[in-house]
């Protein structure tokens, strides 16, 4: 069993909500799901679509052909009807788009059923969801639970209206879709296991939470904004401070300040914002302050295509800076990899006191996969900072002490009798500004040449 459903319409018509709701029904039903979407950089108008692939076997990509097309605008029929399989069916509302006289199109009165059965035409999308599930032979028990969760704050009347709208859509499709030969069903022996449905930015956000991130600052910029939204939603539960900064310069400097003050900190942006962060990136390197940066790629240069996908910023991530210093760059390919690599970014950034960059694109950011679950035992969450009694037991403390590994003690200001200080100019072991060549050479050797072999060995070890 392997079906694809595409929902098309204009921005503002709830395309993403319909698509994500259907995908959640499938994932909770135990099916394997993959979704992708395409949208323009506008609040309303334009043509968008959300595509879902559902199967009883693992899947990692979309198909080019579609079994069910839900058309909320004429552009969806014009552009995507040709993608239908031989047995595929497009559903639409003729009261909104006009009558279509083709055998592979089913006129479903979304708006009328929403008003009559749900009490409000705004529930037309719920009718469409019910119709899709009816075409696939599915019951509505999982959808009912999702509706109750989604509208629990809006009261029983709204919940009941949406459930009735979904029932009306399902019944209409079952009764009128003569071409429908799809069979997904909900009865399995043994029962399928509920799966988690997660996209790339949620994978990064989940990895940050699991790694002990306590501060996130960013300026909203597609495709990284979802990370900020995810962490803000988890902030109260996990004690995470999320700050929407006035720009990317402020964002990275806020993250560096939080890291210097003793917590794991992160920022996120896209290519244009990362350009503004470069001075802060170099500041992190000079002061050896751990920080994690999520860099979402999009077509460039300049503002480019804000909501489209491209992978053109790797060289930028590798070489952006003035001067030379080590940095880690992770490039996940799935939400699962994003989860584990974000954890590795936090761990190695703090262990070696260097910046770590997680590079991804809009496709990874927005695509959803289903997984059985993530193995939390694989995570590493070591506090490499010298704190409390361990710090007080030191006979001396120098923030940038020369060591065999190049990694110096990392203490937290105000947590000991020692002065914790650093300087963005070249500095001595204590962290105070210097200008002599001999100290400069030793510091470059410490920050770059002593750490690099250890970091390289760490990466090679993790690949075996």
Protein backbone atom coordinates (compact mmCIF):
# COMPACT_ATOMS: atom_id res chain seq x y z
CA UNK A 1 0.00 0.00 0.00
CA UNK A 2 1.44 3.35 -1.05
CA UNK A 3 -0.65 6.48 -1.71
CA UNK A 4 0.08 10.17 -2.29
CA UNK A 5 -2.26 13.03 -1.46
CA UNK A 6 -1.66 16.61 -2.62
CA UNK A 7 -3.50 19.61 -1.18
CA UNK A 8 -3.28 22.75 -3.30
CA UNK A 9 -4.47 26.30 -2.78
CA UNK A 10 -3.51 29.87 -2.05
CA UNK A 11 -1.67 31.14 1.03
CA UNK A 12 -4.24 31.84 3.73
CA UNK A 13 -6.54 28.94 2.80
CA UNK A 14 -5.14 26.62 5.46
CA UNK A 15 -3.26 24.30 3.11
CA UNK A 16 -0.58 23.49 5.66
CA UNK A 17 -3.11 22.84 8.42
CA UNK A 18 -5.06 20.40 6.26
CA UNK A 19 -1.90 18.61 5.17
CA UNK A 20 -0.40 18.35 8.64
CA UNK A 21 -3.69 17.12 10.12
CA UNK A 22 -4.01 14.33 7.54
CA UNK A 23 -0.35 13.40 8.08
CA UNK A 24 -0.91 13.22 11.85
CA UNK A 25 -3.88 10.91 11.34
CA UNK A 26 -1.69 8.57 9.31
CA UNK A 27 1.25 8.63 11.73
CA UNK A 28 -0.97 8.01 14.76
CA UNK A 29 -2.54 5.16 12.84
CA UNK A 30 0.90 3.57 12.64
CA UNK A 31 1.63 4.25 8.98
CA UNK A 32 4.89 5.50 7.51
CA UNK A 33 4.58 9.09 6.30
CA UNK A 34 6.66 11.52 4.30
CA UNK A 35 5.50 15.06 3.52
CA UNK A 36 6.86 17.99 1.59
CA UNK A 37 5.45 21.39 0.76
CA UNK A 38 5.96 24.32 -1.56
CA UNK A 39 4.91 27.86 -0.70
CA UNK A 40 5.59 31.41 -1.81
CA UNK A 41 6.91 34.20 0.40
CA UNK A 42 3.59 35.95 0.90
CA UNK A 43 0.92 35.92 3.58
CA UNK A 44 -2.00 35.55 1.14
CA UNK A 45 -2.35 34.59 -2.49
CA UNK A 46 0.00 32.75 -4.80
CA UNK A 47 -0.15 29.00 -5.25
CA UNK A 48 0.99 26.58 -2.56
CA UNK A 49 0.76 22.86 -2.07
CA UNK A 50 1.33 20.28 0.63
CA UNK A 51 1.99 16.67 -0.42
CA UNK A 52 1.69 13.59 1.76
CA UNK A 53 2.90 10.09 1.00
CA UNK A 54 1.61 7.29 3.20
CA UNK A 55 2.67 3.66 3.15
CA UNK A 56 2.77 0.50 5.23
CA UNK A 57 6.53 0.27 4.59
CA UNK A 58 9.29 2.83 5.36
CA UNK A 59 9.53 5.74 2.90
CA UNK A 60 12.05 8.59 2.60
CA UNK A 61 10.83 10.68 -0.35
CA UNK A 62 7.78 11.83 -2.29
CA UNK A 63 6.42 10.32 -5.50
CA UNK A 64 5.82 12.33 -8.65
CA UNK A 65 2.31 10.91 -9.19
CA UNK A 66 -0.67 11.67 -6.98
CA UNK A 67 -3.64 9.47 -6.03
CA UNK A 68 -5.81 12.14 -4.43
CA UNK A 69 -5.72 15.86 -5.23
CA UNK A 70 -7.57 18.30 -2.98
CA UNK A 71 -8.02 21.52 -4.95
CA UNK A 72 -8.90 24.72 -3.10
CA UNK A 73 -8.12 26.96 -6.09
CA UNK A 74 -8.21 26.70 -9.89
CA UNK A 75 -4.41 26.68 -10.08
CA UNK A 76 -4.38 23.36 -8.26
CA UNK A 77 -6.51 21.72 -10.96
CA UNK A 78 -4.65 23.42 -13.78
CA UNK A 79 -1.18 22.53 -12.49
CA UNK A 80 -1.65 19.23 -10.69
CA UNK A 81 -4.53 17.33 -12.32
CA UNK A 82 -2.02 15.98 -14.84
CA UNK A 83 -0.09 14.41 -11.94
CA UNK A 84 -2.97 12.10 -11.06
CA UNK A 85 -2.47 8.37 -11.52
CA UNK A 86 -4.80 6.44 -13.84
CA UNK A 87 -7.09 5.73 -10.89
CA UNK A 88 -6.47 9.06 -9.18
CA UNK A 89 -9.23 11.46 -8.14
CA UNK A 90 -9.31 15.22 -7.65
CA UNK A 91 -11.86 16.69 -5.23
CA UNK A 92 -12.99 20.32 -5.29
CA UNK A 93 -15.97 22.55 -4.51
CA UNK A 94 -17.75 23.75 -7.66
CA UNK A 95 -19.39 26.59 -5.74
CA UNK A 96 -15.92 28.04 -5.33
CA UNK A 97 -14.11 26.96 -8.51
CA UNK A 98 -16.89 26.31 -11.02
CA UNK A 99 -17.99 22.97 -12.45
CA UNK A 100 -15.35 20.62 -13.87
CA UNK A 101 -16.70 18.01 -16.32
CA UNK A 102 -14.10 15.24 -16.10
CA UNK A 103 -14.52 11.74 -14.73
CA UNK A 104 -11.49 11.95 -12.43
CA UNK A 105 -12.89 14.99 -10.56
CA UNK A 106 -15.38 14.75 -7.70
CA UNK A 107 -17.38 17.81 -6.70
CA UNK A 108 -17.57 17.87 -2.90
CA UNK A 109 -19.53 20.83 -1.44
CA UNK A 110 -16.97 21.74 1.22
CA UNK A 111 -18.54 25.10 2.06
CA UNK A 112 -22.17 23.92 2.11
CA UNK A 113 -21.48 20.87 4.25
CA UNK A 114 -19.40 23.01 6.62
CA UNK A 115 -22.32 25.38 7.18
CA UNK A 116 -25.07 22.74 7.34
CA UNK A 117 -23.24 20.16 9.45
CA UNK A 118 -20.56 22.19 11.21
CA UNK A 119 -22.34 25.49 11.61
CA UNK A 120 -19.61 27.63 10.03
CA UNK A 121 -18.09 27.77 6.54
CA UNK A 122 -14.65 28.07 8.14
CA UNK A 123 -14.92 24.32 8.75
CA UNK A 124 -14.79 23.61 5.01
CA UNK A 125 -11.21 22.38 5.43
CA UNK A 126 -12.37 19.86 8.02
CA UNK A 127 -14.94 18.61 5.50
CA UNK A 128 -12.10 18.14 3.01
CA UNK A 129 -10.07 16.16 5.55
CA UNK A 130 -13.05 13.92 6.24
CA UNK A 131 -13.56 13.41 2.50
CA UNK A 132 -9.95 12.31 2.00
CA UNK A 133 -10.19 9.80 4.84
CA UNK A 134 -13.47 8.52 3.45
CA UNK A 135 -11.90 8.01 0.01
CA UNK A 136 -9.21 5.90 1.71
CA UNK A 137 -11.73 3.85 3.67
CA UNK A 138 -10.55 5.16 7.03
CA UNK A 139 -12.60 5.72 10.14
CA UNK A 140 -12.53 9.05 11.96
CA UNK A 141 -11.61 7.99 15.50
CA UNK A 142 -8.00 9.26 15.26
CA UNK A 143 -9.12 12.50 13.58
CA UNK A 144 -11.71 13.04 16.32
CA UNK A 145 -8.96 12.92 18.94
CA UNK A 146 -6.84 15.38 16.98
CA UNK A 147 -9.81 17.75 16.65
CA UNK A 148 -10.40 17.59 20.42
CA UNK A 149 -6.74 18.38 21.09
CA UNK A 150 -6.58 21.19 18.53
CA UNK A 151 -9.75 23.01 19.63
CA UNK A 152 -9.80 22.18 23.35
CA UNK A 153 -9.44 25.87 24.25
CA UNK A 154 -12.29 26.91 21.93
CA UNK A 155 -14.98 24.87 23.62
CA UNK A 156 -17.26 21.93 23.00
CA UNK A 157 -19.35 23.68 20.35
CA UNK A 158 -16.37 24.21 18.05
CA UNK A 159 -15.15 20.66 18.65
CA UNK A 160 -18.58 19.21 17.89
CA UNK A 161 -18.94 21.35 14.77
CA UNK A 162 -15.62 20.17 13.37
CA UNK A 163 -16.36 16.51 14.15
CA UNK A 164 -19.72 16.81 12.38
CA UNK A 165 -18.06 18.53 9.43
CA UNK A 166 -15.52 15.70 9.15
CA UNK A 167 -18.31 13.09 9.30
CA UNK A 168 -20.22 14.91 6.55
CA UNK A 169 -17.16 15.01 4.32
CA UNK A 170 -16.41 11.34 4.87
CA UNK A 171 -19.96 10.22 4.22
CA UNK A 172 -20.22 12.29 1.06
CA UNK A 173 -17.00 10.82 -0.36
CA UNK A 174 -17.95 7.24 0.52
CA UNK A 175 -21.35 7.65 -1.13
CA UNK A 176 -20.31 9.56 -4.26
CA UNK A 177 -16.74 8.58 -5.16
CA UNK A 178 -17.39 5.72 -7.56
CA UNK A 179 -13.81 5.82 -8.86
CA UNK A 180 -12.29 5.42 -5.41
CA UNK A 181 -10.48 2.10 -5.20
CA UNK A 182 -8.19 3.05 -2.36
CA UNK A 183 -7.99 0.98 0.79
CA UNK A 184 -6.03 2.14 3.80
CA UNK A 185 -8.33 1.06 6.60
CA UNK A 186 -7.64 1.10 10.33
CA UNK A 187 -7.77 -2.56 11.38
CA UNK A 188 -4.42 -4.33 11.67
CA UNK A 189 -3.21 -7.60 13.16
CA UNK A 190 -1.16 -6.94 15.15
CA UNK A 191 -2.02 -3.23 15.64
CA UNK A 192 0.44 -0.81 14.08
CA UNK A 193 2.60 1.21 16.47
CA UNK A 194 1.93 4.92 16.76
CA UNK A 195 4.81 6.81 15.13
CA UNK A 196 6.26 10.25 15.75
CA UNK A 197 5.91 12.73 12.89
CA UNK A 198 8.70 15.31 12.84
CA UNK A 199 10.33 17.73 10.42
CA UNK A 200 13.91 18.99 10.22
CA UNK A 201 13.62 22.14 12.32
CA UNK A 202 11.73 20.20 14.98
CA UNK A 203 14.55 17.65 14.94
CA UNK A 204 17.06 20.43 15.59
CA UNK A 205 14.85 21.99 18.27
CA UNK A 206 14.27 18.63 19.96
CA UNK A 207 18.02 17.98 19.88
CA UNK A 208 18.67 21.37 21.50
CA UNK A 209 16.19 20.67 24.31
CA UNK A 210 17.66 17.21 24.90
CA UNK A 211 21.17 18.71 24.98
CA UNK A 212 20.36 21.14 27.76
CA UNK A 213 20.05 24.33 25.73
CA UNK A 214 18.81 27.08 28.07
CA UNK A 215 19.03 30.18 25.86
CA UNK A 216 18.07 30.82 22.24
CA UNK A 217 18.17 34.19 20.50
CA UNK A 218 17.31 34.83 16.86
CA UNK A 219 15.75 37.21 14.41
CA UNK A 220 13.01 35.45 12.37
CA UNK A 221 14.34 34.35 8.99
CA UNK A 222 13.06 31.48 6.88
CA UNK A 223 13.85 28.58 7.04
CA UNK A 224 15.26 28.77 10.58
CA UNK A 225 12.31 30.45 12.31
CA UNK A 226 10.69 27.11 13.14
CA UNK A 227 13.52 26.36 15.59
CA UNK A 228 12.73 29.50 17.58
CA UNK A 229 9.02 28.68 17.54
CA UNK A 230 9.69 25.12 18.73
CA UNK A 231 11.94 26.21 21.61
CA UNK A 232 9.58 29.02 22.62
CA UNK A 233 6.80 26.45 22.86
CA UNK A 234 8.99 24.30 25.12
CA UNK A 235 10.47 27.20 27.10
CA UNK A 236 8.23 27.09 30.16
CA UNK A 237 8.40 23.31 30.47
CA UNK A 238 12.19 23.05 30.16
CA UNK A 239 13.36 26.43 31.48
CA UNK A 240 14.56 27.81 28.15
CA UNK A 241 14.80 31.56 27.60
CA UNK A 242 13.92 32.47 24.01
CA UNK A 243 14.63 36.01 22.83
CA UNK A 244 13.55 37.50 19.52
CA UNK A 245 16.41 39.91 18.89
CA UNK A 246 16.25 43.11 16.84
CA UNK A 247 18.71 41.68 14.33
CA UNK A 248 21.18 38.86 13.80
CA UNK A 249 24.11 40.85 15.21
CA UNK A 250 22.29 41.17 18.51
CA UNK A 251 21.15 37.53 18.38
CA UNK A 252 24.60 35.96 18.22
CA UNK A 253 26.00 38.37 20.79
CA UNK A 254 23.14 37.55 23.16
CA UNK A 255 23.90 33.85 22.70
CA UNK A 256 27.58 34.46 23.40
CA UNK A 257 26.72 36.43 26.53
CA UNK A 258 24.49 33.62 27.78
CA UNK A 259 27.20 31.05 27.06
CA UNK A 260 29.84 33.13 28.85
CA UNK A 261 27.44 33.36 31.80
CA UNK A 262 27.36 29.57 32.06
CA UNK A 263 24.49 28.06 30.06
CA UNK A 264 24.29 26.23 26.76
CA UNK A 265 23.21 28.76 24.14
CA UNK A 266 22.16 28.74 20.51
CA UNK A 267 21.11 31.03 17.68
CA UNK A 268 19.68 30.42 14.23
CA UNK A 269 19.36 32.23 10.92
CA UNK A 270 19.58 31.96 7.14
CA UNK A 271 22.42 32.99 4.84
CA UNK A 272 21.68 36.72 4.88
CA UNK A 273 21.50 36.76 8.66
CA UNK A 274 24.61 34.62 8.99
CA UNK A 275 26.47 37.31 7.05
CA UNK A 276 25.68 39.69 9.90
CA UNK A 277 26.78 37.11 12.47
CA UNK A 278 30.30 36.70 11.13
CA UNK A 279 31.89 39.19 13.51
CA UNK A 280 30.16 37.44 16.41
CA UNK A 281 31.34 34.09 15.07
CA UNK A 282 34.91 35.37 15.18
CA UNK A 283 34.32 36.75 18.67
CA UNK A 284 33.29 33.27 19.79
CA UNK A 285 36.53 31.90 18.34
CA UNK A 286 38.79 34.52 19.92
CA UNK A 287 37.20 34.25 23.37
CA UNK A 288 36.80 30.46 23.03
CA UNK A 289 33.14 30.72 23.94
CA UNK A 290 30.96 27.72 22.99
CA UNK A 291 27.96 28.53 20.78
CA UNK A 292 25.75 26.59 18.38
CA UNK A 293 24.47 28.25 15.20
CA UNK A 294 21.70 26.83 13.01
CA UNK A 295 22.24 27.99 9.41
CA UNK A 296 19.24 27.43 7.14
CA UNK A 297 20.17 27.69 3.47
CA UNK A 298 17.93 29.26 0.87
CA UNK A 299 18.51 30.42 -2.72
CA UNK A 300 20.77 33.46 -2.69
CA UNK A 301 22.57 35.87 -3.03
CA UNK A 302 20.87 38.61 -1.04
CA UNK A 303 17.26 37.86 -0.09
CA UNK A 304 17.04 35.40 -2.97
CA UNK A 305 14.00 33.11 -2.82
CA UNK A 306 13.09 33.13 0.89
CA UNK A 307 10.83 30.06 0.87
CA UNK A 308 12.58 27.85 -1.69
CA UNK A 309 15.32 25.31 -1.18
CA UNK A 310 18.98 25.38 -2.20
CA UNK A 311 22.29 24.15 -0.84
CA UNK A 312 24.71 26.94 -1.63
CA UNK A 313 26.16 28.07 1.72
CA UNK A 314 28.61 25.30 2.61
CA UNK A 315 31.70 27.30 1.67
CA UNK A 316 30.25 30.26 3.54
CA UNK A 317 29.84 28.15 6.68
CA UNK A 318 33.33 26.69 6.36
CA UNK A 319 35.29 29.88 5.72
CA UNK A 320 33.26 32.84 7.02
CA UNK A 321 35.46 34.79 9.42
CA UNK A 322 38.34 37.15 9.68
CA UNK A 323 41.34 35.11 10.67
CA UNK A 324 41.57 31.38 11.10
CA UNK A 325 40.08 29.19 13.78
CA UNK A 326 38.43 25.78 14.02
CA UNK A 327 34.69 25.39 13.78
CA UNK A 328 32.42 22.37 13.49
CA UNK A 329 29.91 22.08 10.64
CA UNK A 330 27.19 19.43 10.77
CA UNK A 331 24.92 18.71 7.79
CA UNK A 332 21.99 16.43 8.74
CA UNK A 333 19.94 14.75 6.02
CA UNK A 334 16.90 13.67 8.04
CA UNK A 335 15.14 14.89 11.20
CA UNK A 336 16.65 11.92 13.04
CA UNK A 337 20.15 12.97 12.01
CA UNK A 338 19.27 16.57 12.91
CA UNK A 339 18.35 15.41 16.42
CA UNK A 340 21.56 13.47 17.06
CA UNK A 341 23.90 15.93 15.30
CA UNK A 342 22.47 18.87 17.24
CA UNK A 343 23.38 16.98 20.39
CA UNK A 344 26.88 16.39 19.02
CA UNK A 345 27.16 20.09 18.11
CA UNK A 346 26.43 21.15 21.69
CA UNK A 347 28.75 18.52 23.14
CA UNK A 348 31.78 19.20 20.96
CA UNK A 349 31.28 22.97 20.94
CA UNK A 350 31.54 23.06 24.72
CA UNK A 351 34.23 20.37 24.95
CA UNK A 352 36.59 22.21 22.59
CA UNK A 353 35.26 25.74 23.22
CA UNK A 354 34.60 26.49 19.57
CA UNK A 355 31.55 27.49 17.50
CA UNK A 356 29.48 24.72 15.94
CA UNK A 357 27.23 25.21 12.91
CA UNK A 358 24.28 23.04 11.91
CA UNK A 359 23.65 23.61 8.21
CA UNK A 360 20.35 22.60 6.59
CA UNK A 361 18.00 23.66 3.81
CA UNK A 362 14.31 24.52 3.47
CA UNK A 363 13.50 21.02 2.18
CA UNK A 364 14.85 19.38 5.33
CA UNK A 365 13.33 22.11 7.49
CA UNK A 366 9.77 21.55 6.28
CA UNK A 367 9.63 17.90 5.21
CA UNK A 368 8.16 15.49 7.74
CA UNK A 369 9.20 11.90 8.35
CA UNK A 370 7.77 9.25 10.65
CA UNK A 371 10.01 7.40 13.09
CA UNK A 372 9.42 4.71 15.68
CA UNK A 373 11.23 6.93 18.18
CA UNK A 374 14.69 8.27 19.03
CA UNK A 375 17.20 6.51 21.28
CA UNK A 376 17.86 8.99 24.09
CA UNK A 377 20.60 6.73 25.44
CA UNK A 378 22.74 7.79 22.47
CA UNK A 379 22.80 11.39 23.66
CA UNK A 380 25.79 12.90 25.40
CA UNK A 381 25.21 15.70 27.87
CA UNK A 382 28.47 16.35 29.72
CA UNK A 383 29.07 19.63 31.55
CA UNK A 384 32.63 20.55 30.61
CA UNK A 385 32.69 23.75 32.64
CA UNK A 386 34.68 23.95 35.85
CA UNK A 387 32.15 24.80 38.52
CA UNK A 388 31.71 25.03 42.27
CA UNK A 389 34.01 22.95 44.42
CA UNK A 390 36.08 21.72 41.48
CA UNK A 391 36.91 25.32 40.58
CA UNK A 392 37.61 26.37 44.16
CA UNK A 393 40.02 23.45 44.56
CA UNK A 394 42.22 24.83 41.79
CA UNK A 395 45.42 26.48 43.00
CA UNK A 396 45.23 28.90 40.10
CA UNK A 397 42.78 29.76 37.35
CA UNK A 398 43.66 31.19 33.94
CA UNK A 399 40.86 31.38 31.40
CA UNK A 400 43.18 30.92 28.42
CA UNK A 401 45.89 28.83 30.02
CA UNK A 402 48.28 27.09 27.64
CA UNK A 403 47.58 23.36 27.81
CA UNK A 404 48.74 20.33 25.88
CA UNK A 405 45.31 19.94 24.25
CA UNK A 406 44.74 23.64 23.66
CA UNK A 407 41.58 23.45 25.78
CA UNK A 408 41.68 25.71 28.84
CA UNK A 409 39.56 25.59 32.01
CA UNK A 410 36.13 27.11 31.34
CA UNK A 411 34.67 28.67 34.47
CA UNK A 412 31.54 30.69 35.11
CA UNK A 413 31.75 34.32 36.30
CA UNK A 414 30.64 34.78 39.89
CA UNK A 415 30.82 31.10 40.85
CA UNK A 416 34.27 31.17 42.51
CA UNK A 417 36.90 33.35 44.12
CA UNK A 418 38.75 33.59 40.82
CA UNK A 419 38.33 36.36 38.27
CA UNK A 420 36.81 35.03 35.05
CA UNK A 421 37.74 37.38 32.23
CA UNK A 422 38.39 37.32 28.49
CA UNK A 423 39.07 39.87 25.78
CA UNK A 424 38.17 40.12 22.10
CA UNK A 425 41.63 41.49 21.40
CA UNK A 426 44.51 39.05 21.49
CA UNK A 427 45.11 38.22 25.13
CA UNK A 428 47.35 36.43 27.55
CA UNK A 429 46.55 33.35 29.59
CA UNK A 430 44.61 35.41 32.13
CA UNK A 431 42.44 36.90 29.38
CA UNK A 432 43.94 40.41 29.37
CA UNK A 433 44.83 42.30 26.20
CA UNK A 434 48.36 41.93 24.81
CA UNK A 435 50.16 43.04 21.67
CA UNK A 436 53.41 41.07 21.64
CA UNK A 437 54.13 38.65 18.81
CA UNK A 438 55.34 35.81 21.03
CA UNK A 439 52.02 35.50 22.93
CA UNK A 440 50.10 35.92 19.68
CA UNK A 441 51.88 32.96 18.08
CA UNK A 442 51.29 30.77 21.14
CA UNK A 443 47.59 31.66 21.26
CA UNK A 444 47.03 30.88 17.57
CA UNK A 445 48.80 27.57 18.08
CA UNK A 446 46.61 26.86 21.11
CA UNK A 447 43.29 27.78 19.47
CA UNK A 448 43.94 26.24 16.07
CA UNK A 449 46.76 23.76 15.68
CA UNK A 450 46.48 21.96 19.03
CA UNK A 451 42.71 21.54 18.87
CA UNK A 452 42.36 20.50 15.23
CA UNK A 453 43.90 17.00 15.51
CA UNK A 454 41.74 16.24 18.56
CA UNK A 455 38.57 17.42 16.82
CA UNK A 456 39.46 15.43 13.70
CA UNK A 457 40.06 12.30 15.79
CA UNK A 458 36.72 12.86 17.55
CA UNK A 459 34.85 13.03 14.24
CA UNK A 460 36.62 9.94 12.86
CA UNK A 461 35.82 8.04 16.05
CA UNK A 462 32.13 8.85 15.73
CA UNK A 463 32.09 7.54 12.14
CA UNK A 464 33.39 4.08 13.05
